[in-house]
């Protein structure tokens, strides 16, 4: 997949470009269905399949302190879109100046004139342009003038009995509630955080005899506080483990942390990048009356996580 991080780097329109546009936070199975329809349409037209997204998230530019945490940071989002075999990912640096483009300027000058759009695939609630003045009806009105086709994709639902359509908003709710198995069904993969291993409170190995990697999150969505069975990757190698998210109420300095105990592993990985997949929530955080009681519970959590991950 070719990645274009600035529209000025496009020097000539693509051949028969078929495009879908969105924030694609999470790259969930609804987004994936859009990408596959774009790919199929482009193949039928002998053209190029394109996904357009934005960085930073538009809400972060337009609303101060009103933006939701991200399900996927840009690095992971680009990686996941690439797995769908889209030909080109265009990432628009989102600014207030870009947001000021009118709907017709966005379609006529950018999508058609610059990119060469011959078809666009979008969901039924798609909106665009200054003050979100553009919508599906506007696209259909512009289509004859600019010579492109509008394809409105059906909503994706988990099942006929599942009332909610798959959405980034719903996935945020599930992750925030610790419902990782339900989130996995909507994402088409386990929910993942990425970060660097930083120096923590130095209690895991020395005080408890159970070493942990303290993960420094950037700006992504953090699951509900508690204990989780996890898998992950560090130094390019997979691992299994158990994670603690929260404030460690047994201790006095209630600092929020994400700590991961990697099974059968005791290397120094400070500063290393780590990927953590949340498989299943085991329990809530609990304040214990003594350190030995806490250690005993952690050992039980490890045994539970091993059982979950061996299934």
Protein backbone atom coordinates (compact mmCIF):
# COMPACT_ATOMS: atom_id res chain seq x y z
CA UNK A 1 0.00 0.00 0.00
CA UNK A 2 1.28 3.44 -0.92
CA UNK A 3 0.91 6.05 1.84
CA UNK A 4 0.58 9.74 0.95
CA UNK A 5 0.82 12.08 3.93
CA UNK A 6 0.22 15.34 2.10
CA UNK A 7 -2.11 16.13 -0.78
CA UNK A 8 0.62 18.25 -2.41
CA UNK A 9 2.54 15.02 -3.07
CA UNK A 10 -0.10 13.97 -5.61
CA UNK A 11 1.22 15.30 -8.91
CA UNK A 12 -1.40 13.81 -11.23
CA UNK A 13 -4.83 12.22 -10.77
CA UNK A 14 -5.04 8.48 -10.23
CA UNK A 15 -6.58 6.31 -12.94
CA UNK A 16 -10.29 5.65 -12.25
CA UNK A 17 -9.87 6.35 -8.54
CA UNK A 18 -12.41 4.68 -6.24
CA UNK A 19 -12.31 6.26 -2.82
CA UNK A 20 -13.76 5.96 0.66
CA UNK A 21 -13.32 8.69 3.25
CA UNK A 22 -13.47 8.66 7.03
CA UNK A 23 -11.65 8.76 10.33
CA UNK A 24 -11.73 4.94 10.47
CA UNK A 25 -10.93 4.94 14.18
CA UNK A 26 -10.58 1.29 15.14
CA UNK A 27 -10.64 0.01 11.54
CA UNK A 28 -13.50 -2.23 12.68
CA UNK A 29 -15.31 -4.78 10.51
CA UNK A 30 -17.71 -2.11 9.24
CA UNK A 31 -14.74 -0.10 7.96
CA UNK A 32 -13.21 -3.26 6.53
CA UNK A 33 -16.41 -3.94 4.57
CA UNK A 34 -16.14 -0.43 3.05
CA UNK A 35 -12.54 -1.06 2.02
CA UNK A 36 -13.42 -4.38 0.39
CA UNK A 37 -16.22 -2.73 -1.59
CA UNK A 38 -13.80 -0.02 -2.72
CA UNK A 39 -11.29 -2.67 -3.80
CA UNK A 40 -13.90 -4.68 -5.69
CA UNK A 41 -15.29 -1.58 -7.43
CA UNK A 42 -11.78 -0.44 -8.42
CA UNK A 43 -10.99 -3.87 -9.85
CA UNK A 44 -14.17 -3.79 -11.93
CA UNK A 45 -13.26 -0.32 -13.25
CA UNK A 46 -9.60 -1.10 -13.82
CA UNK A 47 -8.79 1.64 -11.33
CA UNK A 48 -7.03 2.42 -8.06
CA UNK A 49 -8.55 1.78 -4.62
CA UNK A 50 -8.04 4.65 -2.18
CA UNK A 51 -8.81 5.28 1.49
CA UNK A 52 -8.64 8.87 2.74
CA UNK A 53 -8.32 9.65 6.42
CA UNK A 54 -7.24 12.56 8.63
CA UNK A 55 -4.61 13.23 11.26
CA UNK A 56 -5.19 14.56 13.80
CA UNK A 57 -8.79 13.47 14.26
CA UNK A 58 -10.99 16.41 13.11
CA UNK A 59 -12.75 16.65 16.47
CA UNK A 60 -9.39 17.32 18.10
CA UNK A 61 -8.93 20.38 15.91
CA UNK A 62 -12.49 21.68 15.95
CA UNK A 63 -13.41 21.04 19.61
CA UNK A 64 -11.01 21.82 22.41
CA UNK A 65 -11.08 19.22 25.19
CA UNK A 66 -14.07 17.55 23.58
CA UNK A 67 -12.43 14.75 21.68
CA UNK A 68 -12.78 11.04 22.48
CA UNK A 69 -9.71 8.88 23.14
CA UNK A 70 -8.58 7.00 20.05
CA UNK A 71 -9.17 3.30 19.50
CA UNK A 72 -6.23 3.22 17.10
CA UNK A 73 -3.38 5.67 16.87
CA UNK A 74 -2.39 6.60 13.30
CA UNK A 75 0.48 4.11 13.08
CA UNK A 76 -1.80 1.16 13.87
CA UNK A 77 -4.63 2.53 11.74
CA UNK A 78 -2.37 2.70 8.68
CA UNK A 79 -1.07 -0.79 9.39
CA UNK A 80 -4.59 -2.23 9.64
CA UNK A 81 -5.81 -0.48 6.48
CA UNK A 82 -2.76 -1.85 4.67
CA UNK A 83 -3.81 -5.39 5.59
CA UNK A 84 -7.02 -4.96 3.59
CA UNK A 85 -4.93 -4.52 0.38
CA UNK A 86 -6.19 -1.02 -0.40
CA UNK A 87 -3.83 0.43 -3.04
CA UNK A 88 -3.37 3.92 -1.58
CA UNK A 89 -3.89 5.55 1.82
CA UNK A 90 -4.10 9.35 1.73
CA UNK A 91 -3.74 10.98 5.14
CA UNK A 92 -4.82 14.62 5.11
CA UNK A 93 -3.21 16.82 7.79
CA UNK A 94 -6.42 18.21 9.28
CA UNK A 95 -6.37 21.94 9.99
CA UNK A 96 -8.96 24.68 10.43
CA UNK A 97 -8.07 25.90 6.94
CA UNK A 98 -8.85 22.48 5.49
CA UNK A 99 -12.09 22.36 7.48
CA UNK A 100 -13.12 25.65 5.85
CA UNK A 101 -13.36 24.04 2.38
CA UNK A 102 -16.91 24.10 1.07
CA UNK A 103 -18.57 20.81 0.18
CA UNK A 104 -18.28 21.52 -3.54
CA UNK A 105 -14.63 22.59 -3.29
CA UNK A 106 -13.88 19.37 -1.43
CA UNK A 107 -15.57 17.26 -4.11
CA UNK A 108 -14.73 19.18 -7.27
CA UNK A 109 -11.24 20.49 -6.57
CA UNK A 110 -9.82 17.81 -4.28
CA UNK A 111 -11.57 14.49 -4.88
CA UNK A 112 -12.20 14.84 -8.62
CA UNK A 113 -9.62 17.39 -9.76
CA UNK A 114 -6.63 16.35 -7.65
CA UNK A 115 -7.28 12.65 -6.96
CA UNK A 116 -9.26 11.68 -10.06
CA UNK A 117 -12.27 10.17 -8.29
CA UNK A 118 -14.62 8.14 -10.49
CA UNK A 119 -16.55 6.48 -7.64
CA UNK A 120 -16.99 7.05 -3.92
CA UNK A 121 -18.09 4.44 -1.37
CA UNK A 122 -19.51 5.82 1.89
CA UNK A 123 -21.83 4.96 4.74
CA UNK A 124 -25.33 6.37 4.93
CA UNK A 125 -24.45 9.06 7.50
CA UNK A 126 -21.43 10.45 5.64
CA UNK A 127 -21.00 14.23 5.79
CA UNK A 128 -18.24 16.56 4.63
CA UNK A 129 -17.19 20.12 3.89
CA UNK A 130 -17.43 23.31 5.90
CA UNK A 131 -19.86 22.91 8.82
CA UNK A 132 -20.59 19.38 7.50
CA UNK A 133 -22.80 20.96 4.83
CA UNK A 134 -22.26 18.05 2.43
CA UNK A 135 -24.12 14.75 2.70
CA UNK A 136 -25.22 11.81 0.54
CA UNK A 137 -27.79 13.94 -1.28
CA UNK A 138 -25.11 16.54 -2.06
CA UNK A 139 -22.78 13.86 -3.40
CA UNK A 140 -25.53 12.54 -5.66
CA UNK A 141 -26.23 16.09 -6.87
CA UNK A 142 -22.55 16.68 -7.71
CA UNK A 143 -22.12 13.26 -9.38
CA UNK A 144 -23.49 14.15 -12.87
CA UNK A 145 -21.62 17.46 -12.95
CA UNK A 146 -18.24 15.96 -12.03
CA UNK A 147 -18.68 12.50 -13.52
CA UNK A 148 -18.48 10.04 -10.65
CA UNK A 149 -20.62 7.29 -9.11
CA UNK A 150 -21.93 7.32 -5.52
CA UNK A 151 -22.14 3.95 -3.75
CA UNK A 152 -23.84 3.95 -0.35
CA UNK A 153 -22.78 0.89 1.63
CA UNK A 154 -25.14 -0.97 3.95
CA UNK A 155 -24.59 -0.80 7.71
CA UNK A 156 -22.84 -3.82 9.18
CA UNK A 157 -24.44 -5.43 12.24
CA UNK A 158 -23.25 -8.34 14.35
CA UNK A 159 -26.45 -10.29 13.71
CA UNK A 160 -30.15 -9.79 13.05
CA UNK A 161 -30.74 -9.93 16.79
CA UNK A 162 -28.06 -7.28 17.47
CA UNK A 163 -29.78 -3.91 17.26
CA UNK A 164 -26.69 -1.67 17.30
CA UNK A 165 -24.73 -1.22 14.12
CA UNK A 166 -21.00 -1.62 14.42
CA UNK A 167 -19.45 1.76 15.19
CA UNK A 168 -16.38 3.30 16.78
CA UNK A 169 -18.63 4.84 19.44
CA UNK A 170 -20.03 1.45 20.44
CA UNK A 171 -16.55 -0.08 20.56
CA UNK A 172 -15.34 2.73 22.85
CA UNK A 173 -18.24 1.96 25.19
CA UNK A 174 -17.39 -1.75 25.25
CA UNK A 175 -13.68 -1.18 25.91
CA UNK A 176 -14.44 1.39 28.61
CA UNK A 177 -16.72 -1.19 30.27
CA UNK A 178 -14.06 -3.91 30.06
CA UNK A 179 -16.14 -6.00 27.66
CA UNK A 180 -13.19 -7.13 25.57
CA UNK A 181 -14.79 -10.20 24.01
CA UNK A 182 -17.68 -8.15 22.60
CA UNK A 183 -15.26 -5.47 21.37
CA UNK A 184 -13.22 -8.18 19.63
CA UNK A 185 -16.28 -9.26 17.64
CA UNK A 186 -16.79 -5.72 16.34
CA UNK A 187 -13.11 -5.04 15.67
CA UNK A 188 -12.42 -8.38 14.03
CA UNK A 189 -9.36 -8.65 16.30
CA UNK A 190 -8.47 -8.13 19.95
CA UNK A 191 -8.31 -4.58 21.27
CA UNK A 192 -4.68 -3.47 21.39
CA UNK A 193 -2.67 -0.74 23.07
CA UNK A 194 0.88 0.22 22.11
CA UNK A 195 3.47 2.04 24.14
CA UNK A 196 6.98 2.19 25.55
CA UNK A 197 8.04 0.35 28.69
CA UNK A 198 8.98 2.95 31.29
CA UNK A 199 10.33 2.86 34.81
CA UNK A 200 7.48 2.21 37.22
CA UNK A 201 7.26 2.10 40.99
CA UNK A 202 9.78 -0.77 41.09
CA UNK A 203 7.51 -2.96 43.19
CA UNK A 204 6.70 -5.84 40.85
CA UNK A 205 9.99 -7.69 40.84
CA UNK A 206 11.59 -6.48 44.06
CA UNK A 207 8.65 -6.31 46.46
CA UNK A 208 6.23 -8.84 44.98
CA UNK A 209 8.62 -11.16 43.17
CA UNK A 210 6.52 -10.76 40.01
CA UNK A 211 8.21 -8.48 37.45
CA UNK A 212 6.01 -6.20 35.37
CA UNK A 213 6.43 -3.92 32.37
CA UNK A 214 4.96 -0.48 32.98
CA UNK A 215 3.45 0.67 29.67
CA UNK A 216 3.36 4.38 28.87
CA UNK A 217 0.18 5.07 26.90
CA UNK A 218 0.02 7.96 24.44
CA UNK A 219 -3.51 9.06 23.68
CA UNK A 220 -5.40 5.85 23.05
CA UNK A 221 -8.47 4.47 24.78
CA UNK A 222 -7.64 2.61 27.99
CA UNK A 223 -9.78 -0.36 29.07
CA UNK A 224 -11.66 -0.34 32.36
CA UNK A 225 -9.52 -0.72 35.47
CA UNK A 226 -9.00 -4.33 36.46
CA UNK A 227 -7.04 -7.49 35.73
CA UNK A 228 -6.86 -8.94 32.21
CA UNK A 229 -5.52 -11.96 30.38
CA UNK A 230 -3.39 -10.55 27.57
CA UNK A 231 -1.17 -11.50 24.67
CA UNK A 232 1.24 -9.22 22.90
CA UNK A 233 4.50 -8.61 21.16
CA UNK A 234 7.86 -7.26 22.27
CA UNK A 235 11.08 -7.24 20.27
CA UNK A 236 9.14 -8.88 17.45
CA UNK A 237 8.31 -11.91 19.57
CA UNK A 238 4.84 -12.91 20.85
CA UNK A 239 4.09 -13.30 24.53
CA UNK A 240 1.29 -14.22 26.93
CA UNK A 241 0.65 -12.52 30.22
CA UNK A 242 -1.60 -10.78 32.67
CA UNK A 243 -2.17 -7.03 32.90
CA UNK A 244 -3.22 -4.77 35.73
CA UNK A 245 -4.87 -1.46 34.88
CA UNK A 246 -5.65 0.99 37.63
CA UNK A 247 -4.45 2.62 40.83
CA UNK A 248 -3.09 -0.32 42.86
CA UNK A 249 -5.34 0.42 45.86
CA UNK A 250 -3.31 -1.83 48.20
CA UNK A 251 -0.54 0.79 48.07
CA UNK A 252 -0.81 4.38 49.22
CA UNK A 253 0.37 6.36 46.17
CA UNK A 254 -2.65 5.84 43.90
CA UNK A 255 -0.98 6.51 40.55
CA UNK A 256 -2.76 5.21 37.45
CA UNK A 257 -0.68 2.61 35.61
CA UNK A 258 -0.86 -0.13 32.99
CA UNK A 259 1.41 -2.96 34.11
CA UNK A 260 1.97 -6.23 32.25
CA UNK A 261 3.49 -9.39 33.70
CA UNK A 262 4.89 -11.43 30.81
CA UNK A 263 4.89 -15.15 31.49
CA UNK A 264 8.30 -16.83 31.79
CA UNK A 265 10.19 -13.62 31.00
CA UNK A 266 12.52 -11.44 33.05
CA UNK A 267 14.60 -9.43 30.55
CA UNK A 268 15.23 -5.71 30.86
CA UNK A 269 12.95 -4.10 28.27
CA UNK A 270 12.92 -0.48 29.49
CA UNK A 271 12.46 1.83 26.53
CA UNK A 272 11.26 -1.00 24.30
CA UNK A 273 8.02 -0.77 22.33
CA UNK A 274 5.35 -3.22 23.44
CA UNK A 275 1.99 -4.25 21.94
CA UNK A 276 -0.67 -5.59 24.30
CA UNK A 277 -3.87 -7.38 23.20
CA UNK A 278 -6.67 -7.57 25.76
CA UNK A 279 -8.28 -11.01 25.61
CA UNK A 280 -10.54 -11.19 28.66
CA UNK A 281 -11.17 -9.25 31.85
CA UNK A 282 -10.58 -11.43 34.91
CA UNK A 283 -11.67 -9.26 37.84
CA UNK A 284 -11.94 -5.79 39.38
CA UNK A 285 -9.12 -4.12 41.25
CA UNK A 286 -9.32 -4.90 44.97
CA UNK A 287 -7.59 -3.42 48.01
CA UNK A 288 -5.88 -6.17 49.99
CA UNK A 289 -5.12 -6.06 53.70
CA UNK A 290 -1.53 -7.22 53.30
CA UNK A 291 1.23 -7.72 50.73
CA UNK A 292 1.20 -11.54 51.14
CA UNK A 293 -2.53 -11.54 50.42
CA UNK A 294 -1.93 -9.47 47.28
CA UNK A 295 0.86 -11.80 46.12
CA UNK A 296 -1.40 -14.82 46.61
CA UNK A 297 -4.14 -13.20 44.49
CA UNK A 298 -1.70 -12.23 41.74
CA UNK A 299 -0.55 -15.85 41.53
CA UNK A 300 -4.19 -16.90 41.19
CA UNK A 301 -4.70 -14.29 38.45
CA UNK A 302 -1.66 -15.63 36.60
CA UNK A 303 -3.06 -19.17 36.79
CA UNK A 304 -6.45 -17.95 35.54
CA UNK A 305 -4.87 -16.04 32.66
CA UNK A 306 -2.78 -19.07 31.67
CA UNK A 307 -5.94 -21.16 31.57
CA UNK A 308 -7.80 -18.58 29.47
CA UNK A 309 -4.92 -18.23 27.02
CA UNK A 310 -4.43 -21.97 26.65
CA UNK A 311 -8.06 -22.54 25.60
